[in-house]
Amino acid sequence: MAFSAPTLLSPTIIAKEALMSLTNHMVMGGLVHRGYEDELRKPIGGILTIRKPNKFQVTKQRTRVTSFISEKSITLEVATQAHVSWEFTMASLATTIEKYKERYIEPAAAELANVIDLDLCALYDDIANQVEETSSWNSNPASFLCLGKAAQKMDEEAVPQQNRVLVLNPAANWSLANALRTVYVVDIAKPALRKGYLATIAGMEIFMDQNINVHTTGDWHFDTNTTTVVHQTAAMTSKTTNDTISIIGVGRTASEAFKVGDVFSIAGVYAVNPMSKVSTGTLRQFVVTADASCIDTTFTSLGLTLLYISPALVHTGPDKNVDTLPAGAAAIFFQGNIRKNQPMNLAFHKNAFALVMVPLAVPDGAWGHSMTHAGISIRVYKGFNIDSDIEAIRMDILYGVKTLYPELACRVMGAEASASA
């Protein structure tokens, strides 16, 4: 019987296998917007300025009215470098590529892919729209109705019907799979081609990702469905937009806290369709963008808190997103239960988030290779210690993640681990 000679490992071979494994292990990384890599041509990373689409206002009259244009942009910084490194003896270089891939490349690439997915899932706290299975605020998705709630939010925000996905943590995934087991229709080709793919339901491709983030809600003093009041400042009444509100609540204490990522709505403040600017009949949801605590407990014997929020309240013009500003004593409703650790599953259009990866250069004279394919880049190189006859190898990636359009996404609240046990 003839035996084939082992394949000696070159940096190109290792980089190629690492790139393939990195691509195969990403879930979120394969579902979000890609395409900004070409704008960062030098392999050094950097800051990318992304222009957002202009919005215009229609005037129903014969006389021409000029729309005031205020071009908006956001920046995406490519500055996160992550690597995995290990050591091996010179004899390992004689190992066949199949064994080397199984022992080193595959698990190392899986860890790098995991880091990217985790960072993308962490963008949940930019998202204001949120739905839940039941009014208890502590149940995993377990019905078509829950999917419908997320789809409705996206429809009301005029999210394109194509390229919608839903990414669930394991508990939510299997809860939903059990509830919908009689209606699951799986394209048999996709599970073999796309990691984590489960099915397409309610116009969304459903995936599972163990990196879905858990949000720890604040301590709002009042419990579920109990209200406090919004205090409207003089400054708010004179402005067409506002990214802060002041709230007061009976019995508030300085120990109470609001956390980045907490979601709430305000009585009487409804969302509008982004195209027609007509009320959707659904209360506009807001997300807290900075941790806050009670700053004044002497304000007419009530606690006063200033909250930074997103989206900013805009009630007129092309960027209008609410039908009116809050009344001076409007009720405020926080979504969820206080002091809970709840998974934030994500339904989104691919343009809601972006991932940018750029290649890293290989040091001069080093044994290594940098490889890019379909916008995914990885660098592999090694160094030798003559005293120990040991070589150290490392795999590096350089990337950045960003929420581009938060209105194109919706959080689907899951159950706290103890509640689902």
Protein backbone atom coordinates (compact mmCIF):
# COMPACT_ATOMS: atom_id res chain seq x y z
CA MET A 1 0.00 0.00 0.00
CA ALA A 2 1.38 3.38 -0.99
CA PHE A 3 1.35 6.25 1.49
CA SER A 4 1.28 9.91 0.52
CA ALA A 5 3.92 12.18 1.96
CA PRO A 6 2.80 14.63 4.64
CA THR A 7 2.05 18.16 3.51
CA LEU A 8 4.53 20.67 4.91
CA LEU A 9 2.77 23.69 6.27
CA SER A 10 3.48 27.00 4.63
CA PRO A 11 2.15 30.33 5.97
CA THR A 12 -0.13 30.55 2.93
CA ILE A 13 -1.70 27.17 3.68
CA ILE A 14 -2.28 28.04 7.34
CA ALA A 15 -3.72 31.46 6.46
CA LYS A 16 -6.03 29.93 3.87
CA GLU A 17 -7.33 27.31 6.30
CA ALA A 18 -7.66 29.88 9.09
CA LEU A 19 -9.62 32.24 6.84
CA MET A 20 -11.96 29.44 5.82
CA SER A 21 -12.53 28.40 9.44
CA LEU A 22 -13.06 32.00 10.59
CA THR A 23 -15.70 32.51 7.90
CA ASN A 24 -17.49 29.26 8.71
CA HIS A 25 -17.69 29.96 12.45
CA MET A 26 -19.22 33.45 12.25
CA VAL A 27 -22.98 33.81 12.67
CA MET A 28 -23.65 37.54 13.21
CA GLY A 29 -20.60 38.43 11.16
CA GLY A 30 -22.19 36.83 8.12
CA LEU A 31 -25.58 38.53 8.55
CA VAL A 32 -24.68 42.22 8.86
CA HIS A 33 -23.66 44.81 6.28
CA ARG A 34 -20.28 44.35 4.65
CA GLY A 35 -18.76 46.47 1.93
CA TYR A 36 -16.93 49.33 3.57
CA GLU A 37 -13.59 47.52 3.37
CA ASP A 38 -12.86 48.95 -0.08
CA GLU A 39 -13.01 52.47 1.35
CA LEU A 40 -10.16 51.62 3.76
CA ARG A 41 -7.59 50.71 1.16
CA LYS A 42 -4.47 50.81 3.30
CA PRO A 43 -3.95 47.77 5.54
CA ILE A 44 -3.76 49.86 8.72
CA GLY A 45 -7.35 50.26 9.84
CA GLY A 46 -8.66 53.75 10.49
CA ILE A 47 -11.86 55.76 10.87
CA LEU A 48 -14.53 55.60 8.21
CA THR A 49 -17.13 58.36 7.80
CA ILE A 50 -20.47 57.00 6.62
CA ARG A 51 -23.01 59.40 5.16
CA LYS A 52 -26.62 58.70 6.07
CA PRO A 53 -29.40 59.16 3.47
CA ASN A 54 -30.95 62.62 3.27
CA LYS A 55 -34.61 63.00 4.18
CA PHE A 56 -36.95 65.44 2.47
CA GLN A 57 -40.35 66.90 3.25
CA VAL A 58 -43.18 67.12 0.70
CA THR A 59 -45.03 70.43 0.35
CA LYS A 60 -48.60 70.34 -1.01
CA GLN A 61 -48.74 73.62 -2.89
CA ARG A 62 -47.87 75.10 -6.27
CA THR A 63 -45.23 77.54 -4.98
CA ARG A 64 -41.81 75.93 -4.60
CA VAL A 65 -40.57 75.42 -1.04
CA THR A 66 -36.94 74.50 -0.48
CA SER A 67 -36.30 71.59 1.85
CA PHE A 68 -33.68 72.33 4.44
CA ILE A 69 -30.96 69.71 4.07
CA SER A 70 -28.85 68.74 7.03
CA GLU A 71 -26.52 65.99 5.90
CA LYS A 72 -25.83 63.47 8.62
CA SER A 73 -22.97 61.06 9.01
CA ILE A 74 -21.60 58.59 11.53
CA THR A 75 -18.08 57.30 12.05
CA LEU A 76 -16.98 53.68 12.20
CA GLU A 77 -13.60 53.08 13.80
CA VAL A 78 -11.62 50.00 12.80
CA ALA A 79 -9.40 49.66 15.85
CA THR A 80 -10.15 46.33 17.54
CA GLN A 81 -7.28 43.90 17.17
CA ALA A 82 -7.74 40.38 18.48
CA HIS A 83 -5.45 37.39 18.26
CA VAL A 84 -4.94 33.80 19.32
CA SER A 85 -1.43 32.45 19.88
CA TRP A 86 0.13 29.08 20.69
CA GLU A 87 3.52 27.38 20.75
CA PHE A 88 4.71 24.17 19.11
CA THR A 89 7.89 22.29 18.32
CA MET A 90 9.60 22.17 14.96
CA ALA A 91 8.42 18.58 14.58
CA SER A 92 4.84 19.82 14.35
CA LEU A 93 5.58 21.36 10.97
CA ALA A 94 5.71 17.86 9.53
CA THR A 95 2.12 17.22 10.61
CA THR A 96 -0.40 16.90 7.81
CA ILE A 97 -2.63 19.91 7.24
CA GLU A 98 -5.71 17.88 8.19
CA LYS A 99 -4.42 17.13 11.68
CA TYR A 100 -2.96 20.59 12.14
CA LYS A 101 -6.26 22.19 11.19
CA GLU A 102 -8.17 20.01 13.65
CA ARG A 103 -5.78 20.61 16.56
CA TYR A 104 -4.91 24.28 16.13
CA ILE A 105 -6.47 26.25 13.30
CA GLU A 106 -10.11 25.26 13.78
CA PRO A 107 -10.39 26.01 17.53
CA ALA A 108 -8.31 29.19 17.22
CA ALA A 109 -10.45 30.53 14.37
CA ALA A 110 -13.60 29.62 16.29
CA GLU A 111 -12.48 31.81 19.20
CA LEU A 112 -11.78 34.75 16.90
CA ALA A 113 -15.17 34.38 15.22
CA ASN A 114 -16.77 34.22 18.65
CA VAL A 115 -15.22 37.58 19.61
CA ILE A 116 -16.61 39.25 16.47
CA ASP A 117 -20.08 37.82 17.03
CA LEU A 118 -20.03 38.88 20.69
CA ASP A 119 -19.14 42.47 19.78
CA LEU A 120 -21.90 42.63 17.18
CA CYS A 121 -24.48 41.24 19.59
CA ALA A 122 -23.38 43.85 22.15
CA LEU A 123 -24.78 46.56 19.85
CA TYR A 124 -28.26 45.66 21.13
CA ASP A 125 -28.17 48.63 23.51
CA ASP A 126 -28.34 51.01 20.55
CA ILE A 127 -31.78 49.62 19.67
CA ALA A 128 -34.94 51.24 21.05
CA ASN A 129 -37.60 48.98 19.53
CA GLN A 130 -38.31 45.95 21.69
CA VAL A 131 -40.99 43.25 21.95
CA GLU A 132 -41.67 40.33 24.28
CA GLU A 133 -43.60 37.06 24.34
CA THR A 134 -45.91 37.95 27.25
CA SER A 135 -46.70 40.88 29.51
CA SER A 136 -44.75 39.18 32.31
CA TRP A 137 -41.59 40.44 30.59
CA ASN A 138 -39.76 37.24 31.48
CA SER A 139 -40.60 34.56 28.91
CA ASN A 140 -38.71 33.16 25.95
CA PRO A 141 -40.22 33.56 22.48
CA ALA A 142 -42.64 30.66 22.13
CA SER A 143 -45.18 31.60 19.47
CA PHE A 144 -45.67 32.91 15.98
CA LEU A 145 -47.28 35.96 17.60
CA CYS A 146 -43.96 36.97 19.16
CA LEU A 147 -42.30 36.84 15.74
CA GLY A 148 -45.22 38.84 14.42
CA LYS A 149 -44.65 41.56 17.02
CA ALA A 150 -41.05 41.95 15.86
CA ALA A 151 -42.10 41.93 12.20
CA GLN A 152 -44.76 44.55 12.94
CA LYS A 153 -42.19 46.87 14.54
CA MET A 154 -39.99 46.51 11.47
CA ASP A 155 -42.93 47.09 9.11
CA GLU A 156 -43.87 50.28 10.98
CA GLU A 157 -40.30 51.51 10.55
CA ALA A 158 -40.51 50.80 6.78
CA VAL A 159 -37.76 48.16 7.01
CA PRO A 160 -37.26 46.42 3.63
CA GLN A 161 -38.86 42.97 3.48
CA GLN A 162 -35.72 41.37 2.10
CA ASN A 163 -32.64 40.48 4.19
CA ARG A 164 -34.48 40.30 7.52
CA VAL A 165 -33.04 37.92 10.10
CA LEU A 166 -33.74 36.89 13.68
CA VAL A 167 -30.85 35.76 15.88
CA LEU A 168 -31.78 33.88 19.07
CA ASN A 169 -29.85 32.58 22.04
CA PRO A 170 -30.04 28.79 22.66
CA ALA A 171 -32.89 29.01 25.20
CA ALA A 172 -35.05 31.15 22.93
CA ASN A 173 -34.12 29.08 19.90
CA TRP A 174 -35.30 25.78 21.34
CA SER A 175 -38.33 27.34 23.01
CA LEU A 176 -39.46 28.69 19.65
CA ALA A 177 -38.52 25.49 17.82
CA ASN A 178 -40.71 23.46 20.17
CA ALA A 179 -43.64 25.86 19.88
CA LEU A 180 -43.47 26.00 16.08
CA ARG A 181 -42.36 22.41 15.41
CA THR A 182 -45.43 21.70 13.29
CA VAL A 183 -44.92 24.72 11.03
CA TYR A 184 -41.14 24.72 10.61
CA VAL A 185 -40.27 24.52 6.94
CA VAL A 186 -36.52 24.20 6.51
CA ASP A 187 -34.66 24.66 3.26
CA ILE A 188 -32.51 21.53 3.34
CA ALA A 189 -29.63 23.19 1.51
CA LYS A 190 -29.10 26.10 3.89
CA PRO A 191 -28.21 24.25 7.11
CA ALA A 192 -25.21 22.78 5.34
CA LEU A 193 -24.08 26.16 4.05
CA ARG A 194 -24.82 28.66 6.82
CA LYS A 195 -23.81 28.20 10.43
CA GLY A 196 -26.68 28.35 12.91
CA TYR A 197 -29.47 28.55 10.30
CA LEU A 198 -32.78 27.09 11.47
CA ALA A 199 -35.69 28.18 9.33
CA THR A 200 -37.46 31.05 7.60
CA ILE A 201 -40.64 32.17 9.37
CA ALA A 202 -42.59 35.45 9.37
CA GLY A 203 -40.35 36.74 6.61
CA MET A 204 -37.20 36.32 8.72
CA GLU A 205 -34.37 33.83 8.46
CA ILE A 206 -33.82 32.48 11.96
CA PHE A 207 -30.38 31.70 13.36
CA MET A 208 -29.02 30.63 16.73
CA ASP A 209 -26.01 32.33 18.29
CA GLN A 210 -24.81 31.65 21.84
CA ASN A 211 -23.28 35.14 21.89
CA ILE A 212 -26.59 36.98 22.29
CA ASN A 213 -25.97 39.52 25.05
CA VAL A 214 -27.76 39.66 28.39
CA HIS A 215 -29.08 43.05 29.52
CA THR A 216 -29.20 43.89 33.22
CA THR A 217 -32.12 46.26 33.73
CA GLY A 218 -31.96 49.21 36.08
CA ASP A 219 -33.73 49.81 39.38
CA TRP A 220 -36.58 52.18 38.58
CA HIS A 221 -38.24 51.91 42.01
CA PHE A 222 -41.62 51.43 40.39
CA ASP A 223 -42.43 47.88 39.30
CA THR A 224 -43.77 46.54 36.00
CA ASN A 225 -46.49 48.68 34.39
CA THR A 226 -46.36 51.25 37.21
CA THR A 227 -45.90 54.81 36.02
CA THR A 228 -43.97 57.87 36.95
CA VAL A 229 -44.24 61.22 35.17
CA VAL A 230 -42.28 63.10 32.58
CA HIS A 231 -41.25 66.62 33.51
CA GLN A 232 -41.17 68.76 30.37
CA THR A 233 -38.62 71.54 30.61
CA ALA A 234 -39.00 74.98 29.05
CA ALA A 235 -36.11 74.16 26.74
CA MET A 236 -37.98 71.20 25.31
CA THR A 237 -41.03 73.24 24.39
CA SER A 238 -38.91 75.65 22.38
CA LYS A 239 -37.04 72.98 20.42
CA THR A 240 -38.12 70.62 17.66
CA THR A 241 -35.77 67.88 18.83
CA ASN A 242 -34.54 66.71 22.22
CA ASP A 243 -32.31 63.82 23.27
CA THR A 244 -32.88 64.29 27.00
CA ILE A 245 -35.93 64.19 29.23
CA SER A 246 -36.41 64.83 32.93
CA ILE A 247 -38.56 62.44 34.92
CA ILE A 248 -39.92 62.67 38.42
CA GLY A 249 -41.50 59.91 40.46
CA VAL A 250 -43.24 59.62 43.82
CA GLY A 251 -40.96 58.13 46.46
CA ARG A 252 -37.85 58.08 44.30
CA THR A 253 -34.53 57.75 46.11
CA ALA A 254 -30.96 58.56 45.13
CA SER A 255 -30.10 54.84 45.08
CA GLU A 256 -32.30 54.16 42.06
CA ALA A 257 -30.62 53.75 38.71
CA PHE A 258 -31.28 53.63 34.99
CA LYS A 259 -28.96 51.57 32.81
CA VAL A 260 -27.75 51.99 29.24
CA GLY A 261 -30.06 49.80 27.18
CA ASP A 262 -33.21 50.23 29.30
CA VAL A 263 -36.26 50.73 27.06
CA PHE A 264 -39.34 52.83 27.79
CA SER A 265 -42.27 54.62 26.15
CA ILE A 266 -44.16 57.81 27.02
CA ALA A 267 -47.93 58.07 27.15
CA GLY A 268 -49.35 60.00 24.22
CA VAL A 269 -46.11 60.01 22.22
CA TYR A 270 -46.64 57.83 19.15
CA ALA A 271 -44.22 56.70 16.48
CA VAL A 272 -44.76 57.89 12.92
CA ASN A 273 -44.19 56.15 9.64
CA PRO A 274 -40.79 57.39 8.40
CA MET A 275 -42.17 58.04 4.92
CA SER A 276 -45.70 59.39 5.44
CA LYS A 277 -45.00 60.90 8.91
CA VAL A 278 -48.44 59.63 9.98
CA SER A 279 -48.83 58.07 13.43
CA THR A 280 -48.54 54.27 13.47
CA GLY A 281 -50.80 54.03 16.50
CA THR A 282 -47.92 52.48 18.46
CA LEU A 283 -46.14 54.31 21.26
CA ARG A 284 -42.62 55.35 20.27
CA GLN A 285 -39.99 53.44 22.24
CA PHE A 286 -36.78 55.02 23.51
CA VAL A 287 -33.54 53.55 24.82
CA VAL A 288 -31.42 55.01 27.63
CA THR A 289 -27.97 55.92 26.27
CA ALA A 290 -26.15 56.81 29.52
CA ASP A 291 -26.38 55.38 33.03
CA ALA A 292 -28.31 57.72 35.33
CA SER A 293 -29.45 57.92 38.93
CA CYS A 294 -31.71 60.19 40.90
CA ILE A 295 -29.97 63.58 41.12
CA ASP A 296 -32.43 65.58 43.21
CA THR A 297 -34.79 64.26 45.87
CA THR A 298 -35.88 67.71 47.01
CA PHE A 299 -37.80 68.64 43.87
CA THR A 300 -41.27 69.00 45.44
CA SER A 301 -40.44 65.95 47.57
CA LEU A 302 -39.92 63.87 44.43
CA GLY A 303 -36.84 62.40 42.82
CA LEU A 304 -35.64 64.05 39.61
CA THR A 305 -33.63 62.20 36.97
CA LEU A 306 -32.21 63.47 33.68
CA LEU A 307 -32.18 60.74 31.04
CA TYR A 308 -30.21 60.75 27.79
CA ILE A 309 -32.21 58.89 25.19
CA SER A 310 -32.30 57.66 21.61
CA PRO A 311 -33.87 58.39 19.25
CA ALA A 312 -34.07 62.09 19.97
CA LEU A 313 -37.63 63.41 20.04
CA VAL A 314 -38.34 65.07 16.67
CA HIS A 315 -41.91 66.22 16.07
CA THR A 316 -41.59 68.27 12.89
CA GLY A 317 -39.63 68.36 9.63
CA PRO A 318 -38.16 65.59 7.45
CA ASP A 319 -36.67 63.76 10.46
CA LYS A 320 -39.98 63.67 12.35
CA ASN A 321 -40.27 60.46 14.40
CA VAL A 322 -43.02 61.26 16.94
CA ASP A 323 -46.44 62.80 16.45
CA THR A 324 -46.00 65.16 19.41
CA LEU A 325 -43.65 66.05 22.26
CA PRO A 326 -44.51 64.70 25.73
CA ALA A 327 -47.10 66.50 27.80
CA GLY A 328 -45.89 68.09 31.02
CA ALA A 329 -47.14 65.21 33.17
CA ALA A 330 -47.18 62.27 30.79
CA ALA A 331 -46.88 58.77 32.21
CA ILE A 332 -43.70 56.84 31.40
CA PHE A 333 -43.56 53.05 31.03
CA PHE A 334 -40.32 51.09 31.34
CA GLN A 335 -40.29 47.77 29.52
CA GLY A 336 -39.24 44.81 31.60
CA ASN A 337 -38.69 44.07 35.28
CA ILE A 338 -36.18 45.76 37.54
CA ARG A 339 -32.80 44.15 38.27
CA LYS A 340 -33.22 41.30 35.78
CA ASN A 341 -30.62 39.69 33.51
CA GLN A 342 -32.48 39.10 30.28
CA PRO A 343 -31.17 38.00 26.85
CA MET A 344 -31.66 40.49 24.03
CA ASN A 345 -32.35 38.45 20.90
CA LEU A 346 -32.15 40.51 17.72
CA ALA A 347 -34.40 40.85 14.70
CA PHE A 348 -32.87 43.11 12.07
CA HIS A 349 -32.25 44.01 8.48
CA LYS A 350 -28.62 43.51 7.48
CA ASN A 351 -28.10 47.27 7.10
CA ALA A 352 -28.84 47.85 10.79
CA PHE A 353 -25.27 46.86 11.73
CA ALA A 354 -21.90 46.82 10.00
CA LEU A 355 -18.73 44.81 10.31
CA VAL A 356 -15.52 46.06 8.71
CA MET A 357 -12.32 43.98 8.61
CA VAL A 358 -9.05 45.15 7.13
CA PRO A 359 -5.81 43.23 6.58
CA LEU A 360 -2.81 43.50 8.87
CA ALA A 361 0.66 43.62 7.34
CA VAL A 362 3.16 40.82 8.01
CA PRO A 363 6.37 42.06 9.72
CA ASP A 364 9.36 42.32 7.36
CA GLY A 365 11.27 39.07 7.12
CA ALA A 366 8.75 37.11 9.19
CA TRP A 367 7.36 33.70 8.32
CA GLY A 368 3.75 34.64 7.74
CA HIS A 369 0.94 35.54 5.42
CA SER A 370 -2.02 37.93 5.38
CA MET A 371 -5.08 36.84 3.43
CA THR A 372 -8.41 38.44 2.56
CA HIS A 373 -11.48 36.94 0.90
CA ALA A 374 -14.99 38.42 0.61
CA GLY A 375 -14.06 41.20 3.04
CA ILE A 376 -12.78 38.86 5.77
CA SER A 377 -9.09 39.21 6.64
CA ILE A 378 -6.68 37.28 8.83
CA ARG A 379 -2.93 37.38 9.39
CA VAL A 380 -0.78 34.43 10.42
CA TYR A 381 2.88 34.63 11.39
CA LYS A 382 5.37 32.98 13.76
CA GLY A 383 8.65 33.48 15.55
CA PHE A 384 11.33 31.03 16.70
CA ASN A 385 13.08 30.72 20.08
CA ILE A 386 16.51 29.20 19.42
CA ASP A 387 17.10 28.31 23.09
CA SER A 388 13.99 26.17 23.53
CA ASP A 389 13.54 25.05 19.92
CA ILE A 390 10.00 26.33 20.25
CA GLU A 391 8.05 28.32 17.72
CA ALA A 392 5.18 30.64 18.62
CA ILE A 393 2.44 31.24 16.08
CA ARG A 394 -0.33 33.79 16.19
CA MET A 395 -3.47 34.57 14.19
CA ASP A 396 -4.66 38.21 14.19
CA ILE A 397 -7.70 40.08 12.97
CA LEU A 398 -8.40 43.84 12.86
CA TYR A 399 -12.02 44.93 12.74
CA GLY A 400 -14.70 47.41 13.76
CA VAL A 401 -18.44 47.08 14.38
CA LYS A 402 -21.12 49.77 14.34
CA THR A 403 -24.87 50.29 14.51
CA LEU A 404 -25.71 52.05 11.26
CA TYR A 405 -29.49 52.32 11.38
CA PRO A 406 -30.99 51.37 14.77
CA GLU A 407 -34.49 51.81 13.38
CA LEU A 408 -33.90 48.74 11.17
CA ALA A 409 -33.66 46.44 14.20
CA CYS A 410 -35.86 45.21 17.02
CA ARG A 411 -34.92 43.48 20.28
CA VAL A 412 -36.85 40.34 21.26
CA MET A 413 -36.64 39.95 25.02
CA GLY A 414 -35.85 36.52 26.43
CA ALA A 415 -36.25 34.95 29.86
CA GLU A 416 -33.77 35.25 32.70
CA ALA A 417 -31.92 31.93 33.06
CA SER A 418 -33.46 31.09 36.44
CA ALA A 419 -36.94 31.75 35.06
CA SER A 420 -36.54 29.32 32.18
CA ALA A 421 -34.96 26.50 34.19
